[in-house]
């Protein structure tokens, strides 16, 4: 009888554990061929060629108007970049790296005697709480449920157009 109870409890424990939330989703739809970010409208589009696959409300750096020029300016870059890395252990749930700074960004910052900064990502929230205003140091933030979809859909090498 004890063995039967133990077995039942183990089956229940495994069943309950499998109901937990998994942040790693699978995507089998059309390839995301580009990301379009419109900073002033606080919107990001995932595109397959000219077809819209998904859109997301975004949050930017604390000083979002204008292009990023130097480290610590609180701005989100503008221009053409690429998704160049992913971090499944991000402090911000999940994150996709953006290839800022490029050679042009580095040269401009160097000419000004400054560092261009780096570590610009599309990421989720530090905690499950949602925020209602721009708060990052220059990244693009979305709710955790959205970064889970984006992380599954977007591949390294995908171009990202960051527009004013």
C-alpha atoms as a PDB file:
ATOM      1  CA  UNK A   1       0.000   0.000   0.000  1.00  0.00           C
ATOM      2  CA  UNK A   2       2.864   2.402   0.837  1.00  0.00           C
ATOM      3  CA  UNK A   3       4.469   1.714  -2.523  1.00  0.00           C
ATOM      4  CA  UNK A   4       1.199   2.521  -4.325  1.00  0.00           C
ATOM      5  CA  UNK A   5       0.826   5.814  -2.404  1.00  0.00           C
ATOM      6  CA  UNK A   6       4.434   6.706  -3.143  1.00  0.00           C
ATOM      7  CA  UNK A   7       3.934   5.959  -6.832  1.00  0.00           C
ATOM      8  CA  UNK A   8       0.753   8.066  -6.960  1.00  0.00           C
ATOM      9  CA  UNK A   9       2.497  10.980  -5.221  1.00  0.00           C
ATOM     10  CA  UNK A  10       5.432  10.781  -7.648  1.00  0.00           C
ATOM     11  CA  UNK A  11       3.103  10.793 -10.670  1.00  0.00           C
ATOM     12  CA  UNK A  12       1.244  13.814  -9.252  1.00  0.00           C
ATOM     13  CA  UNK A  13       4.508  15.644  -8.525  1.00  0.00           C
ATOM     14  CA  UNK A  14       5.789  15.088 -12.070  1.00  0.00           C
ATOM     15  CA  UNK A  15       2.419  16.194 -13.474  1.00  0.00           C
ATOM     16  CA  UNK A  16       2.404  19.390 -11.432  1.00  0.00           C
ATOM     17  CA  UNK A  17       6.019  20.159 -12.313  1.00  0.00           C
ATOM     18  CA  UNK A  18       5.278  19.761 -16.023  1.00  0.00           C
ATOM     19  CA  UNK A  19       2.550  22.418 -15.764  1.00  0.00           C
ATOM     20  CA  UNK A  20       5.152  25.107 -15.018  1.00  0.00           C
ATOM     21  CA  UNK A  21       5.756  27.935 -17.496  1.00  0.00           C
ATOM     22  CA  UNK A  22       8.469  27.286 -20.074  1.00  0.00           C
ATOM     23  CA  UNK A  23       9.991  30.481 -21.490  1.00  0.00           C
ATOM     24  CA  UNK A  24      11.459  28.625 -24.481  1.00  0.00           C
ATOM     25  CA  UNK A  25       8.816  28.423 -27.176  1.00  0.00           C
ATOM     26  CA  UNK A  26       8.925  26.773 -30.582  1.00  0.00           C
ATOM     27  CA  UNK A  27       8.123  28.650 -33.775  1.00  0.00           C
ATOM     28  CA  UNK A  28       7.418  26.916 -37.079  1.00  0.00           C
ATOM     29  CA  UNK A  29       5.931  29.771 -39.106  1.00  0.00           C
ATOM     30  CA  UNK A  30       7.457  31.867 -41.881  1.00  0.00           C
ATOM     31  CA  UNK A  31      11.020  33.133 -41.361  1.00  0.00           C
ATOM     32  CA  UNK A  32      11.394  36.593 -39.869  1.00  0.00           C
ATOM     33  CA  UNK A  33      13.408  38.317 -42.603  1.00  0.00           C
ATOM     34  CA  UNK A  34      13.598  41.707 -40.878  1.00  0.00           C
ATOM     35  CA  UNK A  35      12.628  43.625 -37.776  1.00  0.00           C
ATOM     36  CA  UNK A  36      11.337  47.190 -38.066  1.00  0.00           C
ATOM     37  CA  UNK A  37      11.378  49.434 -34.993  1.00  0.00           C
ATOM     38  CA  UNK A  38       9.635  52.810 -35.024  1.00  0.00           C
ATOM     39  CA  UNK A  39      10.919  54.569 -31.924  1.00  0.00           C
ATOM     40  CA  UNK A  40       8.556  57.548 -31.951  1.00  0.00           C
ATOM     41  CA  UNK A  41       5.521  55.234 -32.252  1.00  0.00           C
ATOM     42  CA  UNK A  42       6.925  52.718 -29.712  1.00  0.00           C
ATOM     43  CA  UNK A  43       6.210  49.784 -32.017  1.00  0.00           C
ATOM     44  CA  UNK A  44       8.206  46.872 -33.390  1.00  0.00           C
ATOM     45  CA  UNK A  45       7.209  44.767 -36.399  1.00  0.00           C
ATOM     46  CA  UNK A  46       8.478  41.292 -37.248  1.00  0.00           C
ATOM     47  CA  UNK A  47       8.280  40.886 -41.014  1.00  0.00           C
ATOM     48  CA  UNK A  48       8.560  38.089 -43.564  1.00  0.00           C
ATOM     49  CA  UNK A  49       9.528  40.019 -46.695  1.00  0.00           C
ATOM     50  CA  UNK A  50       6.601  42.491 -46.969  1.00  0.00           C
ATOM     51  CA  UNK A  51       4.194  40.508 -44.784  1.00  0.00           C
ATOM     52  CA  UNK A  52       3.622  41.496 -41.174  1.00  0.00           C
ATOM     53  CA  UNK A  53       3.996  38.476 -38.869  1.00  0.00           C
ATOM     54  CA  UNK A  54       3.670  40.202 -35.486  1.00  0.00           C
ATOM     55  CA  UNK A  55       3.755  43.616 -33.827  1.00  0.00           C
ATOM     56  CA  UNK A  56       4.752  44.568 -30.291  1.00  0.00           C
ATOM     57  CA  UNK A  57       4.507  47.631 -28.059  1.00  0.00           C
ATOM     58  CA  UNK A  58       8.034  48.592 -26.949  1.00  0.00           C
ATOM     59  CA  UNK A  59       9.805  50.650 -24.296  1.00  0.00           C
ATOM     60  CA  UNK A  60      13.073  52.439 -24.995  1.00  0.00           C
ATOM     61  CA  UNK A  61      15.903  54.237 -23.249  1.00  0.00           C
ATOM     62  CA  UNK A  62      15.222  56.944 -20.684  1.00  0.00           C
ATOM     63  CA  UNK A  63      16.164  59.617 -23.253  1.00  0.00           C
ATOM     64  CA  UNK A  64      14.812  58.080 -26.471  1.00  0.00           C
ATOM     65  CA  UNK A  65      14.669  61.026 -28.884  1.00  0.00           C
ATOM     66  CA  UNK A  66      17.530  60.990 -31.382  1.00  0.00           C
ATOM     67  CA  UNK A  67      20.159  58.405 -32.228  1.00  0.00           C
ATOM     68  CA  UNK A  68      22.552  56.877 -29.712  1.00  0.00           C
ATOM     69  CA  UNK A  69      26.010  58.463 -29.923  1.00  0.00           C
ATOM     70  CA  UNK A  70      27.820  57.732 -26.681  1.00  0.00           C
ATOM     71  CA  UNK A  71      27.700  55.438 -23.707  1.00  0.00           C
ATOM     72  CA  UNK A  72      25.292  56.585 -21.003  1.00  0.00           C
ATOM     73  CA  UNK A  73      23.183  58.906 -23.182  1.00  0.00           C
ATOM     74  CA  UNK A  74      20.044  56.807 -22.549  1.00  0.00           C
ATOM     75  CA  UNK A  75      19.253  56.655 -26.253  1.00  0.00           C
ATOM     76  CA  UNK A  76      18.353  53.715 -28.461  1.00  0.00           C
ATOM     77  CA  UNK A  77      20.411  53.497 -31.683  1.00  0.00           C
ATOM     78  CA  UNK A  78      19.000  54.374 -35.106  1.00  0.00           C
ATOM     79  CA  UNK A  79      19.956  52.763 -38.404  1.00  0.00           C
ATOM     80  CA  UNK A  80      20.544  49.278 -39.760  1.00  0.00           C
ATOM     81  CA  UNK A  81      21.917  46.668 -37.371  1.00  0.00           C
ATOM     82  CA  UNK A  82      21.667  42.893 -37.008  1.00  0.00           C
ATOM     83  CA  UNK A  83      20.643  40.424 -34.318  1.00  0.00           C
ATOM     84  CA  UNK A  84      24.048  39.024 -33.374  1.00  0.00           C
ATOM     85  CA  UNK A  85      23.601  36.993 -30.190  1.00  0.00           C
ATOM     86  CA  UNK A  86      21.070  35.634 -27.737  1.00  0.00           C
ATOM     87  CA  UNK A  87      21.095  35.278 -23.981  1.00  0.00           C
ATOM     88  CA  UNK A  88      18.803  32.613 -22.520  1.00  0.00           C
ATOM     89  CA  UNK A  89      20.052  33.473 -19.010  1.00  0.00           C
ATOM     90  CA  UNK A  90      19.432  37.220 -19.290  1.00  0.00           C
ATOM     91  CA  UNK A  91      18.647  39.243 -16.161  1.00  0.00           C
ATOM     92  CA  UNK A  92      15.759  40.528 -18.293  1.00  0.00           C
ATOM     93  CA  UNK A  93      14.087  37.112 -18.867  1.00  0.00           C
ATOM     94  CA  UNK A  94      15.450  36.527 -22.412  1.00  0.00           C
ATOM     95  CA  UNK A  95      17.390  38.824 -24.721  1.00  0.00           C
ATOM     96  CA  UNK A  96      18.531  39.220 -28.310  1.00  0.00           C
ATOM     97  CA  UNK A  97      21.683  41.260 -28.949  1.00  0.00           C
ATOM     98  CA  UNK A  98      21.772  44.091 -31.485  1.00  0.00           C
ATOM     99  CA  UNK A  99      25.052  44.688 -33.341  1.00  0.00           C
ATOM    100  CA  UNK A 100      25.507  48.244 -31.980  1.00  0.00           C
ATOM    101  CA  UNK A 101      28.084  49.786 -32.176  1.00  0.00           C
ATOM    102  CA  UNK A 102      29.062  49.362 -35.805  1.00  0.00           C
ATOM    103  CA  UNK A 103      32.235  50.858 -37.307  1.00  0.00           C
ATOM    104  CA  UNK A 104      30.486  54.177 -38.056  1.00  0.00           C
ATOM    105  CA  UNK A 105      29.215  54.436 -34.456  1.00  0.00           C
ATOM    106  CA  UNK A 106      32.686  53.682 -33.075  1.00  0.00           C
ATOM    107  CA  UNK A 107      34.359  56.267 -35.308  1.00  0.00           C
ATOM    108  CA  UNK A 108      31.834  58.987 -34.400  1.00  0.00           C
ATOM    109  CA  UNK A 109      32.217  58.360 -30.668  1.00  0.00           C
ATOM    110  CA  UNK A 110      35.999  58.218 -30.951  1.00  0.00           C
ATOM    111  CA  UNK A 111      36.019  61.546 -32.829  1.00  0.00           C
ATOM    112  CA  UNK A 112      34.063  63.029 -29.930  1.00  0.00           C
ATOM    113  CA  UNK A 113      36.500  61.514 -27.421  1.00  0.00           C
ATOM    114  CA  UNK A 114      33.790  59.257 -26.017  1.00  0.00           C
ATOM    115  CA  UNK A 115      32.918  55.571 -25.836  1.00  0.00           C
ATOM    116  CA  UNK A 116      29.990  54.489 -28.031  1.00  0.00           C
ATOM    117  CA  UNK A 117      28.777  52.053 -25.385  1.00  0.00           C
ATOM    118  CA  UNK A 118      27.347  48.685 -26.299  1.00  0.00           C
ATOM    119  CA  UNK A 119      25.263  45.809 -24.989  1.00  0.00           C
ATOM    120  CA  UNK A 120      22.082  46.952 -26.720  1.00  0.00           C
ATOM    121  CA  UNK A 121      19.384  44.257 -26.661  1.00  0.00           C
ATOM    122  CA  UNK A 122      15.755  43.473 -27.259  1.00  0.00           C
ATOM    123  CA  UNK A 123      14.756  42.061 -23.875  1.00  0.00           C
ATOM    124  CA  UNK A 124      11.991  41.357 -21.410  1.00  0.00           C
ATOM    125  CA  UNK A 125      11.438  42.682 -17.900  1.00  0.00           C
ATOM    126  CA  UNK A 126      13.713  42.177 -14.918  1.00  0.00           C
ATOM    127  CA  UNK A 127      10.671  40.945 -13.025  1.00  0.00           C
ATOM    128  CA  UNK A 128       7.201  39.993 -14.175  1.00  0.00           C
ATOM    129  CA  UNK A 129       6.002  43.535 -13.490  1.00  0.00           C
ATOM    130  CA  UNK A 130       5.122  45.537 -16.599  1.00  0.00           C
ATOM    131  CA  UNK A 131       6.225  49.113 -16.977  1.00  0.00           C
ATOM    132  CA  UNK A 132       4.357  51.908 -18.665  1.00  0.00           C
ATOM    133  CA  UNK A 133       7.147  54.287 -19.712  1.00  0.00           C
ATOM    134  CA  UNK A 134      10.637  54.261 -21.206  1.00  0.00           C
ATOM    135  CA  UNK A 135      13.101  52.918 -18.663  1.00  0.00           C
ATOM    136  CA  UNK A 136      16.039  51.109 -20.296  1.00  0.00           C
ATOM    137  CA  UNK A 137      19.620  52.327 -20.722  1.00  0.00           C
ATOM    138  CA  UNK A 138      19.120  52.276 -24.515  1.00  0.00           C
ATOM    139  CA  UNK A 139      17.680  48.820 -25.148  1.00  0.00           C
ATOM    140  CA  UNK A 140      14.281  47.826 -26.504  1.00  0.00           C
ATOM    141  CA  UNK A 141      12.113  46.257 -23.809  1.00  0.00           C
ATOM    142  CA  UNK A 142       8.903  44.265 -24.168  1.00  0.00           C
ATOM    143  CA  UNK A 143       6.793  42.289 -21.697  1.00  0.00           C
ATOM    144  CA  UNK A 144       8.182  38.831 -20.896  1.00  0.00           C
ATOM    145  CA  UNK A 145       5.394  37.014 -22.767  1.00  0.00           C
ATOM    146  CA  UNK A 146       6.374  38.995 -25.899  1.00  0.00           C
ATOM    147  CA  UNK A 147      10.133  38.384 -25.671  1.00  0.00           C
ATOM    148  CA  UNK A 148       9.369  34.659 -25.456  1.00  0.00           C
ATOM    149  CA  UNK A 149       7.650  34.846 -28.865  1.00  0.00           C
ATOM    150  CA  UNK A 150      10.303  37.147 -30.361  1.00  0.00           C
ATOM    151  CA  UNK A 151      13.150  34.949 -29.065  1.00  0.00           C
ATOM    152  CA  UNK A 152      11.563  31.894 -30.729  1.00  0.00           C
ATOM    153  CA  UNK A 153      10.834  33.661 -34.023  1.00  0.00           C
ATOM    154  CA  UNK A 154      14.004  35.687 -34.686  1.00  0.00           C
ATOM    155  CA  UNK A 155      17.292  34.106 -35.768  1.00  0.00           C
ATOM    156  CA  UNK A 156      20.809  35.470 -35.417  1.00  0.00           C
ATOM    157  CA  UNK A 157      21.742  37.523 -38.487  1.00  0.00           C
ATOM    158  CA  UNK A 158      18.250  39.009 -38.900  1.00  0.00           C
ATOM    159  CA  UNK A 159      18.465  42.690 -39.938  1.00  0.00           C
ATOM    160  CA  UNK A 160      16.859  45.203 -37.591  1.00  0.00           C
ATOM    161  CA  UNK A 161      15.960  48.683 -38.835  1.00  0.00           C
ATOM    162  CA  UNK A 162      15.774  51.170 -35.970  1.00  0.00           C
ATOM    163  CA  UNK A 163      13.959  54.305 -37.146  1.00  0.00           C
ATOM    164  CA  UNK A 164      13.170  57.597 -35.401  1.00  0.00           C
END
